[in-house]
């Protein structure tokens, strides 16, 4: 079994609600996000688990909906990497059945890895 991955990048702002007063994430701020998809499966006769060209709709969706946007205006929930990772996974799993997991980072030092439990 192989797991392949592809990265997508976008920049956006957000404000996280419900934090203690004075928490820096409770103020308007932005990040350079990295979304990484993981696709799991056996290689086909060509040798691909998934042709990377086939996942272009994910990049297009990110570009159209998230890049240089205010995430609070798009998502109906607190736009944390934890919630956004699950949202992106759930959105694209029907289109990409081999989608295994999503990771998302706001900074080079922070990362969320979402893998559903079955």
PDB file of N, CA and C in Angstrom:
ATOM      1  N   UNK A   1       0.858  -1.180   0.000  1.00  0.00           N
ATOM      2  CA  UNK A   1       0.000   0.000   0.000  1.00  0.00           C
ATOM      3  C   UNK A   1       0.899   1.237   0.000  1.00  0.00           C
ATOM      4  N   UNK A   2       0.543   2.203  -0.816  1.00  0.00           N
ATOM      5  CA  UNK A   2       1.295   3.453  -0.911  1.00  0.00           C
ATOM      6  C   UNK A   2       0.440   4.621  -0.426  1.00  0.00           C
ATOM      7  N   UNK A   3       1.101   5.612   0.144  1.00  0.00           N
ATOM      8  CA  UNK A   3       0.459   6.879   0.480  1.00  0.00           C
ATOM      9  C   UNK A   3       1.255   7.969  -0.213  1.00  0.00           C
ATOM     10  N   UNK A   4       0.590   8.704  -1.096  1.00  0.00           N
ATOM     11  CA  UNK A   4       1.208   9.837  -1.776  1.00  0.00           C
ATOM     12  C   UNK A   4       0.615  11.119  -1.207  1.00  0.00           C
ATOM     13  N   UNK A   5       1.284  12.233  -1.454  1.00  0.00           N
ATOM     14  CA  UNK A   5       0.780  13.507  -0.933  1.00  0.00           C
ATOM     15  C   UNK A   5       1.006  14.616  -1.940  1.00  0.00           C
ATOM     16  N   UNK A   6       0.226  15.671  -1.783  1.00  0.00           N
ATOM     17  CA  UNK A   6       0.345  16.868  -2.609  1.00  0.00           C
ATOM     18  C   UNK A   6       0.043  18.065  -1.734  1.00  0.00           C
ATOM     19  N   UNK A   7       0.843  19.125  -1.884  1.00  0.00           N
ATOM     20  CA  UNK A   7       0.661  20.346  -1.100  1.00  0.00           C
ATOM     21  C   UNK A   7      -0.024  21.429  -1.912  1.00  0.00           C
ATOM     22  N   UNK A   8      -0.816  22.232  -1.189  1.00  0.00           N
ATOM     23  CA  UNK A   8      -1.464  23.414  -1.745  1.00  0.00           C
ATOM     24  C   UNK A   8      -1.228  24.550  -0.762  1.00  0.00           C
ATOM     25  N   UNK A   9      -1.012  25.756  -1.265  1.00  0.00           N
ATOM     26  CA  UNK A   9      -0.710  26.902  -0.413  1.00  0.00           C
ATOM     27  C   UNK A   9      -1.737  28.006  -0.616  1.00  0.00           C
ATOM     28  N   UNK A  10      -2.036  28.713   0.473  1.00  0.00           N
ATOM     29  CA  UNK A  10      -2.872  29.902   0.372  1.00  0.00           C
ATOM     30  C   UNK A  10      -2.596  30.816   1.554  1.00  0.00           C
ATOM     31  N   UNK A  11      -2.911  32.083   1.383  1.00  0.00           N
ATOM     32  CA  UNK A  11      -2.774  33.082   2.441  1.00  0.00           C
ATOM     33  C   UNK A  11      -4.156  33.608   2.772  1.00  0.00           C
ATOM     34  N   UNK A  12      -4.423  33.770   4.070  1.00  0.00           N
ATOM     35  CA  UNK A  12      -5.748  34.233   4.486  1.00  0.00           C
ATOM     36  C   UNK A  12      -5.681  34.792   5.903  1.00  0.00           C
ATOM     37  N   UNK A  13      -6.735  35.518   6.252  1.00  0.00           N
ATOM     38  CA  UNK A  13      -6.855  36.050   7.613  1.00  0.00           C
ATOM     39  C   UNK A  13      -7.993  35.346   8.338  1.00  0.00           C
ATOM     40  N   UNK A  14      -7.965  35.458   9.661  1.00  0.00           N
ATOM     41  CA  UNK A  14      -9.081  34.966  10.478  1.00  0.00           C
ATOM     42  C   UNK A  14      -8.984  35.576  11.878  1.00  0.00           C
ATOM     43  N   UNK A  15     -10.055  35.385  12.622  1.00  0.00           N
ATOM     44  CA  UNK A  15     -10.138  35.733  14.031  1.00  0.00           C
ATOM     45  C   UNK A  15     -10.760  34.529  14.719  1.00  0.00           C
ATOM     46  N   UNK A  16     -10.128  34.041  15.762  1.00  0.00           N
ATOM     47  CA  UNK A  16     -10.692  32.906  16.486  1.00  0.00           C
ATOM     48  C   UNK A  16     -11.509  33.411  17.672  1.00  0.00           C
ATOM     49  N   UNK A  17     -12.723  32.925  17.761  1.00  0.00           N
ATOM     50  CA  UNK A  17     -13.664  33.340  18.817  1.00  0.00           C
ATOM     51  C   UNK A  17     -13.556  32.396  20.008  1.00  0.00           C
ATOM     52  N   UNK A  18     -13.966  32.887  21.168  1.00  0.00           N
ATOM     53  CA  UNK A  18     -14.064  32.054  22.362  1.00  0.00           C
ATOM     54  C   UNK A  18     -12.765  31.892  23.130  1.00  0.00           C
ATOM     55  N   UNK A  19     -11.745  32.632  22.779  1.00  0.00           N
ATOM     56  CA  UNK A  19     -10.467  32.528  23.477  1.00  0.00           C
ATOM     57  C   UNK A  19     -10.423  33.471  24.681  1.00  0.00           C
ATOM     58  N   UNK A  20      -9.489  33.209  25.563  1.00  0.00           N
ATOM     59  CA  UNK A  20      -9.307  34.093  26.716  1.00  0.00           C
ATOM     60  C   UNK A  20      -8.963  35.491  26.230  1.00  0.00           C
ATOM     61  N   UNK A  21      -9.405  36.484  26.975  1.00  0.00           N
ATOM     62  CA  UNK A  21      -9.112  37.865  26.612  1.00  0.00           C
ATOM     63  C   UNK A  21      -7.595  38.063  26.520  1.00  0.00           C
ATOM     64  N   UNK A  22      -7.183  38.747  25.473  1.00  0.00           N
ATOM     65  CA  UNK A  22      -5.773  39.008  25.264  1.00  0.00           C
ATOM     66  C   UNK A  22      -5.042  37.946  24.460  1.00  0.00           C
ATOM     67  N   UNK A  23      -5.699  36.838  24.166  1.00  0.00           N
ATOM     68  CA  UNK A  23      -5.050  35.795  23.355  1.00  0.00           C
ATOM     69  C   UNK A  23      -4.769  36.362  21.971  1.00  0.00           C
ATOM     70  N   UNK A  24      -3.552  36.205  21.454  1.00  0.00           N
ATOM     71  CA  UNK A  24      -3.224  36.817  20.160  1.00  0.00           C
ATOM     72  C   UNK A  24      -4.077  36.317  18.998  1.00  0.00           C
ATOM     73  N   UNK A  25      -4.584  35.097  19.065  1.00  0.00           N
ATOM     74  CA  UNK A  25      -5.400  34.570  17.964  1.00  0.00           C
ATOM     75  C   UNK A  25      -6.824  35.113  17.987  1.00  0.00           C
ATOM     76  N   UNK A  26      -7.167  35.848  19.050  1.00  0.00           N
ATOM     77  CA  UNK A  26      -8.472  36.479  19.122  1.00  0.00           C
ATOM     78  C   UNK A  26      -8.520  37.804  18.377  1.00  0.00           C
ATOM     79  N   UNK A  27      -7.387  38.248  17.894  1.00  0.00           N
ATOM     80  CA  UNK A  27      -7.312  39.470  17.092  1.00  0.00           C
ATOM     81  C   UNK A  27      -7.225  39.084  15.613  1.00  0.00           C
ATOM     82  N   UNK A  28      -7.591  40.017  14.767  1.00  0.00           N
ATOM     83  CA  UNK A  28      -7.455  39.798  13.326  1.00  0.00           C
ATOM     84  C   UNK A  28      -5.990  39.562  12.997  1.00  0.00           C
ATOM     85  N   UNK A  29      -5.721  38.456  12.307  1.00  0.00           N
ATOM     86  CA  UNK A  29      -4.352  38.120  11.910  1.00  0.00           C
ATOM     87  C   UNK A  29      -4.408  37.179  10.714  1.00  0.00           C
ATOM     88  N   UNK A  30      -3.257  36.930  10.115  1.00  0.00           N
ATOM     89  CA  UNK A  30      -3.229  36.085   8.932  1.00  0.00           C
ATOM     90  C   UNK A  30      -2.122  35.055   8.983  1.00  0.00           C
ATOM     91  N   UNK A  31      -2.218  34.112   8.074  1.00  0.00           N
ATOM     92  CA  UNK A  31      -1.247  33.028   7.973  1.00  0.00           C
ATOM     93  C   UNK A  31      -1.001  32.692   6.508  1.00  0.00           C
ATOM     94  N   UNK A  32       0.125  32.069   6.273  1.00  0.00           N
ATOM     95  CA  UNK A  32       0.413  31.432   4.994  1.00  0.00           C
ATOM     96  C   UNK A  32       0.206  29.937   5.220  1.00  0.00           C
ATOM     97  N   UNK A  33      -0.963  29.468   4.839  1.00  0.00           N
ATOM     98  CA  UNK A  33      -1.375  28.093   5.111  1.00  0.00           C
ATOM     99  C   UNK A  33      -0.784  27.114   4.101  1.00  0.00           C
ATOM    100  N   UNK A  34      -0.561  25.906   4.577  1.00  0.00           N
ATOM    101  CA  UNK A  34      -0.205  24.792   3.704  1.00  0.00           C
ATOM    102  C   UNK A  34      -1.203  23.666   3.972  1.00  0.00           C
ATOM    103  N   UNK A  35      -1.899  23.253   2.935  1.00  0.00           N
ATOM    104  CA  UNK A  35      -2.798  22.106   3.002  1.00  0.00           C
ATOM    105  C   UNK A  35      -2.108  20.971   2.267  1.00  0.00           C
ATOM    106  N   UNK A  36      -2.042  19.828   2.907  1.00  0.00           N
ATOM    107  CA  UNK A  36      -1.415  18.661   2.284  1.00  0.00           C
ATOM    108  C   UNK A  36      -2.428  17.536   2.292  1.00  0.00           C
ATOM    109  N   UNK A  37      -2.683  16.971   1.114  1.00  0.00           N
ATOM    110  CA  UNK A  37      -3.598  15.840   1.021  1.00  0.00           C
ATOM    111  C   UNK A  37      -2.774  14.555   0.938  1.00  0.00           C
ATOM    112  N   UNK A  38      -3.311  13.506   1.532  1.00  0.00           N
ATOM    113  CA  UNK A  38      -2.676  12.190   1.498  1.00  0.00           C
ATOM    114  C   UNK A  38      -3.651  11.231   0.831  1.00  0.00           C
ATOM    115  N   UNK A  39      -3.169  10.532  -0.188  1.00  0.00           N
ATOM    116  CA  UNK A  39      -3.991   9.595  -0.949  1.00  0.00           C
ATOM    117  C   UNK A  39      -3.360   8.219  -0.811  1.00  0.00           C
ATOM    118  N   UNK A  40      -4.192   7.230  -0.449  1.00  0.00           N
ATOM    119  CA  UNK A  40      -3.700   5.896  -0.136  1.00  0.00           C
ATOM    120  C   UNK A  40      -4.270   4.880  -1.115  1.00  0.00           C
ATOM    121  N   UNK A  41      -3.407   4.018  -1.624  1.00  0.00           N
ATOM    122  CA  UNK A  41      -3.886   2.972  -2.508  1.00  0.00           C
ATOM    123  C   UNK A  41      -2.744   2.229  -3.169  1.00  0.00           C
ATOM    124  N   UNK A  42      -3.122   1.297  -4.002  1.00  0.00           N
ATOM    125  CA  UNK A  42      -2.156   0.530  -4.778  1.00  0.00           C
ATOM    126  C   UNK A  42      -1.939   1.236  -6.113  1.00  0.00           C
ATOM    127  N   UNK A  43      -0.729   1.223  -6.627  1.00  0.00           N
ATOM    128  CA  UNK A  43      -0.477   1.830  -7.931  1.00  0.00           C
ATOM    129  C   UNK A  43      -1.249   1.111  -9.045  1.00  0.00           C
ATOM    130  N   UNK A  44      -1.697   1.883 -10.026  1.00  0.00           N
ATOM    131  CA  UNK A  44      -2.356   1.300 -11.190  1.00  0.00           C
ATOM    132  C   UNK A  44      -1.306   0.751 -12.161  1.00  0.00           C
ATOM    133  N   UNK A  45      -1.748   0.353 -13.348  1.00  0.00           N
ATOM    134  CA  UNK A  45      -0.827  -0.249 -14.313  1.00  0.00           C
ATOM    135  C   UNK A  45       0.262   0.723 -14.782  1.00  0.00           C
ATOM    136  N   UNK A  46       0.009   2.025 -14.678  1.00  0.00           N
ATOM    137  CA  UNK A  46       1.022   3.029 -15.024  1.00  0.00           C
ATOM    138  C   UNK A  46       2.033   3.182 -13.890  1.00  0.00           C
ATOM    139  N   UNK A  47       1.558   2.935 -12.669  1.00  0.00           N
ATOM    140  CA  UNK A  47       2.398   3.119 -11.495  1.00  0.00           C
ATOM    141  C   UNK A  47       1.936   4.239 -10.593  1.00  0.00           C
ATOM    142  N   UNK A  48       0.740   4.802 -10.855  1.00  0.00           N
ATOM    143  CA  UNK A  48       0.188   5.901 -10.062  1.00  0.00           C
ATOM    144  C   UNK A  48      -0.839   5.387  -9.057  1.00  0.00           C
ATOM    145  N   UNK A  49      -0.756   5.879  -7.819  1.00  0.00           N
ATOM    146  CA  UNK A  49      -1.865   5.718  -6.881  1.00  0.00           C
ATOM    147  C   UNK A  49      -2.979   6.667  -7.311  1.00  0.00           C
ATOM    148  N   UNK A  50      -2.601   7.881  -7.686  1.00  0.00           N
ATOM    149  CA  UNK A  50      -3.527   8.906  -8.187  1.00  0.00           C
ATOM    150  C   UNK A  50      -2.706   9.829  -9.072  1.00  0.00           C
ATOM    151  N   UNK A  51      -3.180  10.147 -10.224  1.00  0.00           N
ATOM    152  CA  UNK A  51      -2.506  11.124 -11.074  1.00  0.00           C
ATOM    153  C   UNK A  51      -2.635  12.489 -10.396  1.00  0.00           C
ATOM    154  N   UNK A  52      -1.512  13.146 -10.167  1.00  0.00           N
ATOM    155  CA  UNK A  52      -1.546  14.451  -9.496  1.00  0.00           C
ATOM    156  C   UNK A  52      -2.365  15.475 -10.286  1.00  0.00           C
ATOM    157  N   UNK A  53      -2.429  15.328 -11.592  1.00  0.00           N
ATOM    158  CA  UNK A  53      -3.256  16.241 -12.385  1.00  0.00           C
ATOM    159  C   UNK A  53      -4.732  16.130 -12.027  1.00  0.00           C
ATOM    160  N   UNK A  54      -5.148  14.963 -11.574  1.00  0.00           N
ATOM    161  CA  UNK A  54      -6.561  14.755 -11.254  1.00  0.00           C
ATOM    162  C   UNK A  54      -7.008  15.515 -10.006  1.00  0.00           C
ATOM    163  N   UNK A  55      -6.064  15.939  -9.158  1.00  0.00           N
ATOM    164  CA  UNK A  55      -6.451  16.635  -7.921  1.00  0.00           C
ATOM    165  C   UNK A  55      -6.447  18.152  -8.087  1.00  0.00           C
ATOM    166  N   UNK A  56      -6.329  18.618  -9.312  1.00  0.00           N
ATOM    167  CA  UNK A  56      -6.386  20.070  -9.565  1.00  0.00           C
ATOM    168  C   UNK A  56      -7.655  20.732  -9.044  1.00  0.00           C
ATOM    169  N   UNK A  57      -8.799  20.049  -9.017  1.00  0.00           N
ATOM    170  CA  UNK A  57      -9.990  20.700  -8.453  1.00  0.00           C
ATOM    171  C   UNK A  57      -9.805  21.151  -6.998  1.00  0.00           C
ATOM    172  N   UNK A  58      -8.972  20.470  -6.258  1.00  0.00           N
ATOM    173  CA  UNK A  58      -8.731  20.886  -4.867  1.00  0.00           C
ATOM    174  C   UNK A  58      -7.997  22.217  -4.854  1.00  0.00           C
ATOM    175  N   UNK A  59      -6.961  22.344  -5.667  1.00  0.00           N
ATOM    176  CA  UNK A  59      -6.235  23.617  -5.753  1.00  0.00           C
ATOM    177  C   UNK A  59      -7.164  24.729  -6.219  1.00  0.00           C
ATOM    178  N   UNK A  60      -7.992  24.435  -7.205  1.00  0.00           N
ATOM    179  CA  UNK A  60      -8.914  25.453  -7.722  1.00  0.00           C
ATOM    180  C   UNK A  60      -9.893  25.901  -6.647  1.00  0.00           C
ATOM    181  N   UNK A  61     -10.417  24.955  -5.872  1.00  0.00           N
ATOM    182  CA  UNK A  61     -11.351  25.287  -4.792  1.00  0.00           C
ATOM    183  C   UNK A  61     -10.655  26.161  -3.746  1.00  0.00           C
ATOM    184  N   UNK A  62      -9.437  25.805  -3.390  1.00  0.00           N
ATOM    185  CA  UNK A  62      -8.676  26.605  -2.410  1.00  0.00           C
ATOM    186  C   UNK A  62      -8.446  28.011  -2.959  1.00  0.00           C
ATOM    187  N   UNK A  63      -8.014  28.106  -4.204  1.00  0.00           N
ATOM    188  CA  UNK A  63      -7.767  29.420  -4.810  1.00  0.00           C
ATOM    189  C   UNK A  63      -9.035  30.268  -4.852  1.00  0.00           C
ATOM    190  N   UNK A  64     -10.142  29.655  -5.222  1.00  0.00           N
ATOM    191  CA  UNK A  64     -11.399  30.395  -5.370  1.00  0.00           C
ATOM    192  C   UNK A  64     -12.023  30.800  -4.043  1.00  0.00           C
ATOM    193  N   UNK A  65     -11.880  29.954  -3.024  1.00  0.00           N
ATOM    194  CA  UNK A  65     -12.630  30.171  -1.789  1.00  0.00           C
ATOM    195  C   UNK A  65     -11.814  30.638  -0.590  1.00  0.00           C
ATOM    196  N   UNK A  66     -10.524  30.331  -0.556  1.00  0.00           N
ATOM    197  CA  UNK A  66      -9.743  30.604   0.644  1.00  0.00           C
ATOM    198  C   UNK A  66      -8.598  31.588   0.440  1.00  0.00           C
ATOM    199  N   UNK A  67      -7.979  31.573  -0.716  1.00  0.00           N
ATOM    200  CA  UNK A  67      -6.774  32.382  -0.911  1.00  0.00           C
ATOM    201  C   UNK A  67      -7.082  33.876  -0.876  1.00  0.00           C
ATOM    202  N   UNK A  68      -6.345  34.580  -0.031  1.00  0.00           N
ATOM    203  CA  UNK A  68      -6.492  36.023   0.173  1.00  0.00           C
ATOM    204  C   UNK A  68      -7.928  36.404   0.553  1.00  0.00           C
ATOM    205  N   UNK A  69      -8.501  35.587   1.407  1.00  0.00           N
ATOM    206  CA  UNK A  69      -9.853  35.831   1.926  1.00  0.00           C
ATOM    207  C   UNK A  69      -9.797  35.908   3.450  1.00  0.00           C
ATOM    208  N   UNK A  70     -10.906  36.364   4.028  1.00  0.00           N
ATOM    209  CA  UNK A  70     -11.082  36.344   5.482  1.00  0.00           C
ATOM    210  C   UNK A  70     -11.897  35.089   5.793  1.00  0.00           C
ATOM    211  N   UNK A  71     -11.268  34.112   6.423  1.00  0.00           N
ATOM    212  CA  UNK A  71     -11.870  32.787   6.599  1.00  0.00           C
ATOM    213  C   UNK A  71     -13.161  32.810   7.402  1.00  0.00           C
ATOM    214  N   UNK A  72     -13.302  33.758   8.316  1.00  0.00           N
ATOM    215  CA  UNK A  72     -14.549  33.865   9.083  1.00  0.00           C
ATOM    216  C   UNK A  72     -15.736  34.166   8.180  1.00  0.00           C
ATOM    217  N   UNK A  73     -15.493  34.787   7.035  1.00  0.00           N
ATOM    218  CA  UNK A  73     -16.576  35.097   6.101  1.00  0.00           C
ATOM    219  C   UNK A  73     -16.991  33.881   5.286  1.00  0.00           C
ATOM    220  N   UNK A  74     -16.177  32.851   5.253  1.00  0.00           N
ATOM    221  CA  UNK A  74     -16.471  31.674   4.430  1.00  0.00           C
ATOM    222  C   UNK A  74     -16.988  30.504   5.249  1.00  0.00           C
ATOM    223  N   UNK A  75     -16.302  30.172   6.324  1.00  0.00           N
ATOM    224  CA  UNK A  75     -16.655  28.988   7.103  1.00  0.00           C
ATOM    225  C   UNK A  75     -17.739  29.310   8.130  1.00  0.00           C
ATOM    226  N   UNK A  76     -18.683  28.391   8.346  1.00  0.00           N
ATOM    227  CA  UNK A  76     -19.740  28.604   9.332  1.00  0.00           C
ATOM    228  C   UNK A  76     -19.313  28.195  10.750  1.00  0.00           C
ATOM    229  N   UNK A  77     -18.022  28.033  10.962  1.00  0.00           N
ATOM    230  CA  UNK A  77     -17.481  27.613  12.258  1.00  0.00           C
ATOM    231  C   UNK A  77     -16.209  28.403  12.533  1.00  0.00           C
ATOM    232  N   UNK A  78     -15.690  28.281  13.739  1.00  0.00           N
ATOM    233  CA  UNK A  78     -14.437  28.914  14.109  1.00  0.00           C
ATOM    234  C   UNK A  78     -13.340  28.343  13.184  1.00  0.00           C
ATOM    235  N   UNK A  79     -12.679  29.163  12.363  1.00  0.00           N
ATOM    236  CA  UNK A  79     -11.764  28.644  11.352  1.00  0.00           C
ATOM    237  C   UNK A  79     -10.387  28.248  11.912  1.00  0.00           C
ATOM    238  N   UNK A  80     -10.394  27.186  12.703  1.00  0.00           N
ATOM    239  CA  UNK A  80      -9.148  26.604  13.196  1.00  0.00           C
ATOM    240  C   UNK A  80      -8.663  25.577  12.176  1.00  0.00           C
ATOM    241  N   UNK A  81      -7.379  25.236  12.215  1.00  0.00           N
ATOM    242  CA  UNK A  81      -6.887  24.218  11.285  1.00  0.00           C
ATOM    243  C   UNK A  81      -7.550  22.875  11.555  1.00  0.00           C
ATOM    244  N   UNK A  82      -7.927  22.621  12.801  1.00  0.00           N
ATOM    245  CA  UNK A  82      -8.596  21.360  13.138  1.00  0.00           C
ATOM    246  C   UNK A  82      -9.940  21.254  12.423  1.00  0.00           C
ATOM    247  N   UNK A  83     -10.758  22.304  12.527  1.00  0.00           N
ATOM    248  CA  UNK A  83     -12.066  22.270  11.877  1.00  0.00           C
ATOM    249  C   UNK A  83     -11.946  22.343  10.356  1.00  0.00           C
ATOM    250  N   UNK A  84     -11.026  23.172   9.859  1.00  0.00           N
ATOM    251  CA  UNK A  84     -10.891  23.313   8.405  1.00  0.00           C
ATOM    252  C   UNK A  84     -10.362  22.036   7.758  1.00  0.00           C
ATOM    253  N   UNK A  85      -9.455  21.335   8.412  1.00  0.00           N
ATOM    254  CA  UNK A  85      -8.926  20.081   7.866  1.00  0.00           C
ATOM    255  C   UNK A  85     -10.035  19.064   7.664  1.00  0.00           C
ATOM    256  N   UNK A  86     -10.878  18.919   8.671  1.00  0.00           N
ATOM    257  CA  UNK A  86     -11.994  17.974   8.562  1.00  0.00           C
ATOM    258  C   UNK A  86     -12.968  18.408   7.464  1.00  0.00           C
ATOM    259  N   UNK A  87     -13.252  19.691   7.396  1.00  0.00           N
ATOM    260  CA  UNK A  87     -14.164  20.215   6.383  1.00  0.00           C
ATOM    261  C   UNK A  87     -13.659  19.882   4.977  1.00  0.00           C
ATOM    262  N   UNK A  88     -12.382  20.140   4.726  1.00  0.00           N
ATOM    263  CA  UNK A  88     -11.805  19.884   3.407  1.00  0.00           C
ATOM    264  C   UNK A  88     -11.813  18.389   3.101  1.00  0.00           C
ATOM    265  N   UNK A  89     -11.489  17.582   4.098  1.00  0.00           N
ATOM    266  CA  UNK A  89     -11.540  16.127   3.907  1.00  0.00           C
ATOM    267  C   UNK A  89     -12.961  15.695   3.513  1.00  0.00           C
ATOM    268  N   UNK A  90     -13.948  16.110   4.296  1.00  0.00           N
ATOM    269  CA  UNK A  90     -15.338  15.717   4.036  1.00  0.00           C
ATOM    270  C   UNK A  90     -15.829  16.222   2.681  1.00  0.00           C
ATOM    271  N   UNK A  91     -15.373  17.400   2.282  1.00  0.00           N
ATOM    272  CA  UNK A  91     -15.792  17.975   1.008  1.00  0.00           C
ATOM    273  C   UNK A  91     -15.265  17.157  -0.179  1.00  0.00           C
ATOM    274  N   UNK A  92     -14.023  16.715  -0.098  1.00  0.00           N
ATOM    275  CA  UNK A  92     -13.396  16.070  -1.256  1.00  0.00           C
ATOM    276  C   UNK A  92     -13.370  14.543  -1.213  1.00  0.00           C
ATOM    277  N   UNK A  93     -13.688  13.927  -0.099  1.00  0.00           N
ATOM    278  CA  UNK A  93     -13.686  12.462  -0.020  1.00  0.00           C
ATOM    279  C   UNK A  93     -14.607  11.820  -1.064  1.00  0.00           C
ATOM    280  N   UNK A  94     -15.822  12.331  -1.289  1.00  0.00           N
ATOM    281  CA  UNK A  94     -16.676  11.711  -2.319  1.00  0.00           C
ATOM    282  C   UNK A  94     -16.063  11.762  -3.722  1.00  0.00           C
ATOM    283  N   UNK A  95     -15.353  12.822  -4.044  1.00  0.00           N
ATOM    284  CA  UNK A  95     -14.752  12.976  -5.361  1.00  0.00           C
ATOM    285  C   UNK A  95     -13.455  12.173  -5.491  1.00  0.00           C
ATOM    286  N   UNK A  96     -12.765  11.984  -4.359  1.00  0.00           N
ATOM    287  CA  UNK A  96     -11.493  11.273  -4.349  1.00  0.00           C
ATOM    288  C   UNK A  96     -11.549  10.157  -3.301  1.00  0.00           C
ATOM    289  N   UNK A  97     -12.117   9.008  -3.664  1.00  0.00           N
ATOM    290  CA  UNK A  97     -12.322   7.929  -2.698  1.00  0.00           C
ATOM    291  C   UNK A  97     -11.052   7.429  -2.016  1.00  0.00           C
ATOM    292  N   UNK A  98      -9.900   7.604  -2.648  1.00  0.00           N
ATOM    293  CA  UNK A  98      -8.643   7.168  -2.041  1.00  0.00           C
ATOM    294  C   UNK A  98      -8.061   8.208  -1.078  1.00  0.00           C
ATOM    295  N   UNK A  99      -8.760   9.348  -0.918  1.00  0.00           N
ATOM    296  CA  UNK A  99      -8.280  10.373   0.014  1.00  0.00           C
ATOM    297  C   UNK A  99      -8.194   9.759   1.400  1.00  0.00           C
ATOM    298  N   UNK A 100      -7.022   9.828   1.989  1.00  0.00           N
ATOM    299  CA  UNK A 100      -6.752   9.166   3.266  1.00  0.00           C
ATOM    300  C   UNK A 100      -6.741  10.142   4.439  1.00  0.00           C
ATOM    301  N   UNK A 101      -6.147  11.328   4.235  1.00  0.00           N
ATOM    302  CA  UNK A 101      -5.993  12.283   5.327  1.00  0.00           C
ATOM    303  C   UNK A 101      -5.686  13.660   4.749  1.00  0.00           C
ATOM    304  N   UNK A 102      -5.793  14.646   5.629  1.00  0.00           N
ATOM    305  CA  UNK A 102      -5.466  16.040   5.299  1.00  0.00           C
ATOM    306  C   UNK A 102      -4.597  16.580   6.423  1.00  0.00           C
ATOM    307  N   UNK A 103      -3.546  17.291   6.071  1.00  0.00           N
ATOM    308  CA  UNK A 103      -2.833  18.056   7.092  1.00  0.00           C
ATOM    309  C   UNK A 103      -2.898  19.518   6.696  1.00  0.00           C
ATOM    310  N   UNK A 104      -2.832  20.363   7.707  1.00  0.00           N
ATOM    311  CA  UNK A 104      -2.931  21.792   7.470  1.00  0.00           C
ATOM    312  C   UNK A 104      -2.063  22.498   8.486  1.00  0.00           C
ATOM    313  N   UNK A 105      -1.265  23.452   8.012  1.00  0.00           N
ATOM    314  CA  UNK A 105      -0.436  24.217   8.930  1.00  0.00           C
ATOM    315  C   UNK A 105      -0.652  25.703   8.708  1.00  0.00           C
ATOM    316  N   UNK A 106      -0.531  26.450   9.807  1.00  0.00           N
ATOM    317  CA  UNK A 106      -0.608  27.911   9.770  1.00  0.00           C
ATOM    318  C   UNK A 106       0.788  28.520   9.772  1.00  0.00           C
ATOM    319  N   UNK A 107       1.705  27.828  10.410  1.00  0.00           N
ATOM    320  CA  UNK A 107       3.083  28.297  10.533  1.00  0.00           C
ATOM    321  C   UNK A 107       4.007  27.104  10.315  1.00  0.00           C
ATOM    322  N   UNK A 108       5.286  27.357  10.093  1.00  0.00           N
ATOM    323  CA  UNK A 108       6.219  26.232   9.949  1.00  0.00           C
ATOM    324  C   UNK A 108       6.328  25.355  11.197  1.00  0.00           C
ATOM    325  N   UNK A 109       5.861  25.861  12.343  1.00  0.00           N
ATOM    326  CA  UNK A 109       6.000  25.110  13.592  1.00  0.00           C
ATOM    327  C   UNK A 109       4.712  24.451  14.069  1.00  0.00           C
ATOM    328  N   UNK A 110       3.603  24.683  13.368  1.00  0.00           N
ATOM    329  CA  UNK A 110       2.326  24.113  13.818  1.00  0.00           C
ATOM    330  C   UNK A 110       1.674  23.336  12.687  1.00  0.00           C
ATOM    331  N   UNK A 111       0.993  22.248  13.041  1.00  0.00           N
ATOM    332  CA  UNK A 111       0.394  21.395  12.033  1.00  0.00           C
ATOM    333  C   UNK A 111      -0.747  20.594  12.640  1.00  0.00           C
ATOM    334  N   UNK A 112      -1.795  20.404  11.851  1.00  0.00           N
ATOM    335  CA  UNK A 112      -2.891  19.513  12.225  1.00  0.00           C
ATOM    336  C   UNK A 112      -2.969  18.421  11.175  1.00  0.00           C
ATOM    337  N   UNK A 113      -3.059  17.186  11.612  1.00  0.00           N
ATOM    338  CA  UNK A 113      -3.214  16.040  10.714  1.00  0.00           C
ATOM    339  C   UNK A 113      -4.571  15.438  11.010  1.00  0.00           C
ATOM    340  N   UNK A 114      -5.480  15.484  10.008  1.00  0.00           N
ATOM    341  CA  UNK A 114      -6.815  14.900  10.185  1.00  0.00           C
ATOM    342  C   UNK A 114      -6.907  13.601   9.419  1.00  0.00           C
ATOM    343  N   UNK A 115      -7.202  12.549  10.141  1.00  0.00           N
ATOM    344  CA  UNK A 115      -7.449  11.228   9.572  1.00  0.00           C
ATOM    345  C   UNK A 115      -8.723  10.712  10.223  1.00  0.00           C
ATOM    346  N   UNK A 116      -9.751  10.432   9.437  1.00  0.00           N
ATOM    347  CA  UNK A 116     -10.999   9.973  10.057  1.00  0.00           C
ATOM    348  C   UNK A 116     -10.837   8.619  10.742  1.00  0.00           C
ATOM    349  N   UNK A 117     -11.664   8.421  11.739  1.00  0.00           N
ATOM    350  CA  UNK A 117     -11.707   7.106  12.384  1.00  0.00           C
ATOM    351  C   UNK A 117     -12.909   6.354  11.820  1.00  0.00           C
ATOM    352  N   UNK A 118     -12.693   5.116  11.521  1.00  0.00           N
ATOM    353  CA  UNK A 118     -13.776   4.307  10.948  1.00  0.00           C
ATOM    354  C   UNK A 118     -14.171   3.232  11.909  1.00  0.00           C
TER     355      UNK A 118
END
